[in-house]
């Protein structure tokens, strides 16, 4: 999609590149403690079960479960003010 001029108010669709194929999606990092990580995994498994009951694909949820379960633990020092 090429934007001819600035007065064009069309918004791009999801995953539609504006300017080149070399643009990358941003990478986000989330830091969770052990309780939050366990809760996240339980919620993702619940979502997967709902999707399976509905007969829908679970590939994206499976990928998230693998990433959350295999994510390295990073020790951080938190200072309270």
N, C-alpha and C. Protein backbone atom coordinates (compact mmCIF):
# COMPACT_ATOMS: atom_id res chain seq x y z
N UNK A 1 0.85 -1.18 0.00
CA UNK A 1 0.00 0.00 0.00
C UNK A 1 0.88 1.23 0.00
N UNK A 2 0.68 2.10 -0.94
CA UNK A 2 1.43 3.34 -1.00
C UNK A 2 0.51 4.48 -0.63
N UNK A 3 1.02 5.38 0.17
CA UNK A 3 0.25 6.55 0.55
C UNK A 3 0.66 7.68 -0.39
N UNK A 4 -0.29 8.16 -1.18
CA UNK A 4 0.04 9.15 -2.20
C UNK A 4 0.24 10.54 -1.61
N UNK A 5 -0.56 10.90 -0.64
CA UNK A 5 -0.40 12.20 0.00
C UNK A 5 -0.95 12.15 1.42
N UNK A 6 -0.66 13.14 2.20
CA UNK A 6 -1.03 13.13 3.60
C UNK A 6 -2.52 13.32 3.84
N UNK A 7 -3.26 13.82 2.87
CA UNK A 7 -4.68 14.04 3.07
C UNK A 7 -5.48 12.75 3.00
N UNK A 8 -4.84 11.67 2.57
CA UNK A 8 -5.51 10.37 2.52
C UNK A 8 -5.64 9.84 3.94
N UNK A 9 -6.84 9.65 4.43
CA UNK A 9 -7.06 9.25 5.82
C UNK A 9 -7.33 7.75 5.98
N UNK A 10 -6.92 6.96 5.04
CA UNK A 10 -7.14 5.52 5.15
C UNK A 10 -6.13 4.94 6.13
N UNK A 11 -6.57 4.01 6.94
CA UNK A 11 -5.68 3.35 7.88
C UNK A 11 -5.34 1.98 7.35
N UNK A 12 -4.12 1.53 7.55
CA UNK A 12 -3.74 0.22 7.03
C UNK A 12 -4.40 -0.90 7.82
N UNK A 13 -4.59 -2.03 7.16
CA UNK A 13 -5.14 -3.21 7.81
C UNK A 13 -4.05 -3.81 8.70
N UNK A 14 -4.43 -4.72 9.58
CA UNK A 14 -3.49 -5.40 10.46
C UNK A 14 -2.46 -6.14 9.62
N UNK A 15 -1.20 -6.03 10.00
CA UNK A 15 -0.06 -6.67 9.34
C UNK A 15 0.20 -6.14 7.94
N UNK A 16 -0.34 -4.99 7.60
CA UNK A 16 -0.09 -4.41 6.29
C UNK A 16 1.06 -3.42 6.43
N UNK A 17 2.10 -3.64 5.69
CA UNK A 17 3.29 -2.79 5.80
C UNK A 17 3.07 -1.46 5.11
N UNK A 18 3.59 -0.41 5.75
CA UNK A 18 3.50 0.92 5.14
C UNK A 18 4.90 1.34 4.75
N UNK A 19 5.51 1.10 3.83
CA UNK A 19 6.80 1.67 3.58
C UNK A 19 7.84 0.63 3.20
N UNK A 20 7.60 -0.60 3.37
CA UNK A 20 8.57 -1.58 2.96
C UNK A 20 8.37 -2.91 3.65
N UNK A 21 8.88 -3.93 3.04
CA UNK A 21 8.73 -5.27 3.59
C UNK A 21 9.74 -5.53 4.70
N UNK A 22 10.74 -4.64 4.86
CA UNK A 22 11.77 -4.88 5.86
C UNK A 22 11.37 -4.36 7.24
N UNK A 23 10.18 -3.81 7.41
CA UNK A 23 9.75 -3.32 8.71
C UNK A 23 9.42 -4.51 9.61
N UNK A 24 9.90 -4.47 10.84
CA UNK A 24 9.65 -5.55 11.78
C UNK A 24 8.62 -5.12 12.81
N UNK A 25 7.88 -6.09 13.31
CA UNK A 25 6.93 -5.80 14.38
C UNK A 25 7.72 -5.59 15.66
N UNK A 26 7.23 -4.73 16.54
CA UNK A 26 7.97 -4.50 17.80
C UNK A 26 7.95 -5.74 18.69
N UNK A 27 9.01 -5.89 19.45
CA UNK A 27 9.12 -7.01 20.39
C UNK A 27 8.84 -6.48 21.78
N UNK A 28 7.96 -7.16 22.49
CA UNK A 28 7.60 -6.75 23.84
C UNK A 28 8.13 -7.77 24.84
N UNK A 29 8.56 -7.30 25.99
CA UNK A 29 9.03 -8.16 27.07
C UNK A 29 8.12 -7.95 28.27
N UNK A 30 7.80 -9.02 28.95
CA UNK A 30 6.97 -8.92 30.15
C UNK A 30 7.72 -9.64 31.28
N UNK A 31 7.75 -9.01 32.44
CA UNK A 31 8.43 -9.57 33.58
C UNK A 31 7.40 -10.00 34.61
N UNK A 32 7.41 -11.29 34.95
CA UNK A 32 6.43 -11.85 35.87
C UNK A 32 7.14 -12.55 37.01
N UNK A 33 6.53 -12.49 38.20
CA UNK A 33 7.06 -13.30 39.30
C UNK A 33 6.49 -14.72 39.15
N UNK A 34 6.89 -15.62 40.03
CA UNK A 34 6.48 -17.02 39.87
C UNK A 34 4.97 -17.20 39.98
N UNK A 35 4.31 -16.44 40.85
CA UNK A 35 2.86 -16.54 40.99
C UNK A 35 2.16 -16.05 39.72
N UNK A 36 2.60 -14.94 39.18
CA UNK A 36 2.00 -14.39 37.96
C UNK A 36 2.22 -15.32 36.77
N UNK A 37 3.40 -15.93 36.72
CA UNK A 37 3.71 -16.86 35.63
C UNK A 37 2.81 -18.09 35.70
N UNK A 38 2.61 -18.63 36.91
CA UNK A 38 1.73 -19.78 37.10
C UNK A 38 0.30 -19.42 36.71
N UNK A 39 -0.15 -18.25 37.13
CA UNK A 39 -1.49 -17.79 36.79
C UNK A 39 -1.65 -17.63 35.28
N UNK A 40 -0.66 -17.07 34.62
CA UNK A 40 -0.70 -16.90 33.17
C UNK A 40 -0.82 -18.25 32.48
N UNK A 41 -0.04 -19.24 32.91
CA UNK A 41 -0.09 -20.57 32.30
C UNK A 41 -1.46 -21.22 32.49
N UNK A 42 -2.04 -21.07 33.68
CA UNK A 42 -3.37 -21.63 33.94
C UNK A 42 -4.42 -20.98 33.03
N UNK A 43 -4.33 -19.68 32.87
CA UNK A 43 -5.28 -18.96 32.02
C UNK A 43 -5.13 -19.39 30.57
N UNK A 44 -3.90 -19.54 30.10
CA UNK A 44 -3.68 -19.96 28.72
C UNK A 44 -4.19 -21.38 28.47
N UNK A 45 -4.02 -22.27 29.44
CA UNK A 45 -4.53 -23.64 29.30
C UNK A 45 -6.06 -23.62 29.28
N UNK A 46 -6.67 -22.78 30.13
CA UNK A 46 -8.14 -22.63 30.11
C UNK A 46 -8.61 -22.15 28.74
N UNK A 47 -7.92 -21.15 28.18
CA UNK A 47 -8.27 -20.64 26.86
C UNK A 47 -8.15 -21.72 25.81
N UNK A 48 -7.09 -22.51 25.89
CA UNK A 48 -6.91 -23.60 24.94
C UNK A 48 -8.05 -24.60 25.04
N UNK A 49 -8.48 -24.94 26.26
CA UNK A 49 -9.58 -25.88 26.44
C UNK A 49 -10.88 -25.33 25.85
N UNK A 50 -11.13 -24.03 26.03
CA UNK A 50 -12.33 -23.41 25.45
C UNK A 50 -12.29 -23.49 23.94
N UNK A 51 -11.13 -23.18 23.36
CA UNK A 51 -10.99 -23.23 21.90
C UNK A 51 -11.17 -24.65 21.38
N UNK A 52 -10.64 -25.64 22.10
CA UNK A 52 -10.80 -27.03 21.69
C UNK A 52 -12.26 -27.45 21.72
N UNK A 53 -12.99 -27.03 22.76
CA UNK A 53 -14.42 -27.36 22.84
C UNK A 53 -15.21 -26.74 21.70
N UNK A 54 -14.75 -25.57 21.23
CA UNK A 54 -15.42 -24.89 20.13
C UNK A 54 -14.97 -25.41 18.77
N UNK A 55 -13.99 -26.30 18.77
CA UNK A 55 -13.49 -26.85 17.51
C UNK A 55 -12.61 -25.88 16.75
N UNK A 56 -12.00 -24.94 17.43
CA UNK A 56 -11.15 -23.94 16.78
C UNK A 56 -9.69 -24.32 16.94
N UNK A 57 -8.85 -23.68 16.13
CA UNK A 57 -7.41 -23.94 16.18
C UNK A 57 -6.81 -23.35 17.45
N UNK A 58 -5.79 -24.03 17.98
CA UNK A 58 -5.14 -23.58 19.21
C UNK A 58 -3.66 -23.28 19.00
N UNK A 59 -3.24 -23.14 17.76
CA UNK A 59 -1.81 -22.97 17.46
C UNK A 59 -1.21 -21.76 18.16
N UNK A 60 -1.90 -20.63 18.12
CA UNK A 60 -1.36 -19.41 18.73
C UNK A 60 -1.24 -19.56 20.25
N UNK A 61 -2.25 -20.18 20.86
CA UNK A 61 -2.22 -20.37 22.32
C UNK A 61 -1.13 -21.37 22.68
N UNK A 62 -0.97 -22.42 21.88
CA UNK A 62 0.10 -23.39 22.12
C UNK A 62 1.47 -22.71 22.09
N UNK A 63 1.65 -21.81 21.13
CA UNK A 63 2.92 -21.08 21.02
C UNK A 63 3.17 -20.22 22.26
N UNK A 64 2.13 -19.55 22.74
CA UNK A 64 2.27 -18.73 23.94
C UNK A 64 2.57 -19.57 25.18
N UNK A 65 1.93 -20.74 25.28
CA UNK A 65 2.19 -21.63 26.41
C UNK A 65 3.64 -22.07 26.40
N UNK A 66 4.15 -22.44 25.24
CA UNK A 66 5.55 -22.87 25.13
C UNK A 66 6.51 -21.73 25.48
N UNK A 67 6.20 -20.53 25.01
CA UNK A 67 7.07 -19.39 25.31
C UNK A 67 7.05 -19.06 26.79
N UNK A 68 5.87 -19.09 27.41
CA UNK A 68 5.76 -18.75 28.83
C UNK A 68 6.40 -19.82 29.70
N UNK A 69 6.22 -21.09 29.34
CA UNK A 69 6.77 -22.18 30.14
C UNK A 69 8.29 -22.26 30.00
N UNK A 70 8.81 -21.94 28.83
CA UNK A 70 10.24 -22.06 28.59
C UNK A 70 11.02 -20.77 28.76
N UNK A 71 10.36 -19.72 29.20
CA UNK A 71 11.05 -18.43 29.35
C UNK A 71 12.05 -18.50 30.49
N UNK A 72 13.22 -17.94 30.29
CA UNK A 72 14.23 -17.97 31.36
C UNK A 72 13.83 -17.05 32.51
N UNK A 73 14.20 -17.47 33.70
CA UNK A 73 13.95 -16.63 34.88
C UNK A 73 15.06 -15.60 34.97
N UNK A 74 14.68 -14.37 35.19
CA UNK A 74 15.66 -13.30 35.29
C UNK A 74 15.53 -12.68 36.67
N UNK A 75 16.61 -12.67 37.41
CA UNK A 75 16.59 -12.07 38.73
C UNK A 75 16.73 -10.58 38.62
N UNK A 76 15.84 -9.90 39.33
CA UNK A 76 15.86 -8.44 39.30
C UNK A 76 15.81 -7.93 40.73
N UNK A 77 16.52 -6.87 40.96
CA UNK A 77 16.51 -6.25 42.27
C UNK A 77 15.49 -5.11 42.24
N UNK A 78 14.53 -5.19 43.13
CA UNK A 78 13.48 -4.18 43.20
C UNK A 78 13.68 -3.36 44.47
N UNK A 79 13.78 -2.08 44.29
CA UNK A 79 13.97 -1.19 45.42
C UNK A 79 12.65 -0.49 45.74
N UNK A 80 12.25 -0.58 46.98
CA UNK A 80 11.02 0.09 47.41
C UNK A 80 11.36 1.46 47.95
N UNK A 81 10.58 2.42 47.59
CA UNK A 81 10.82 3.80 48.01
C UNK A 81 9.95 4.13 49.20
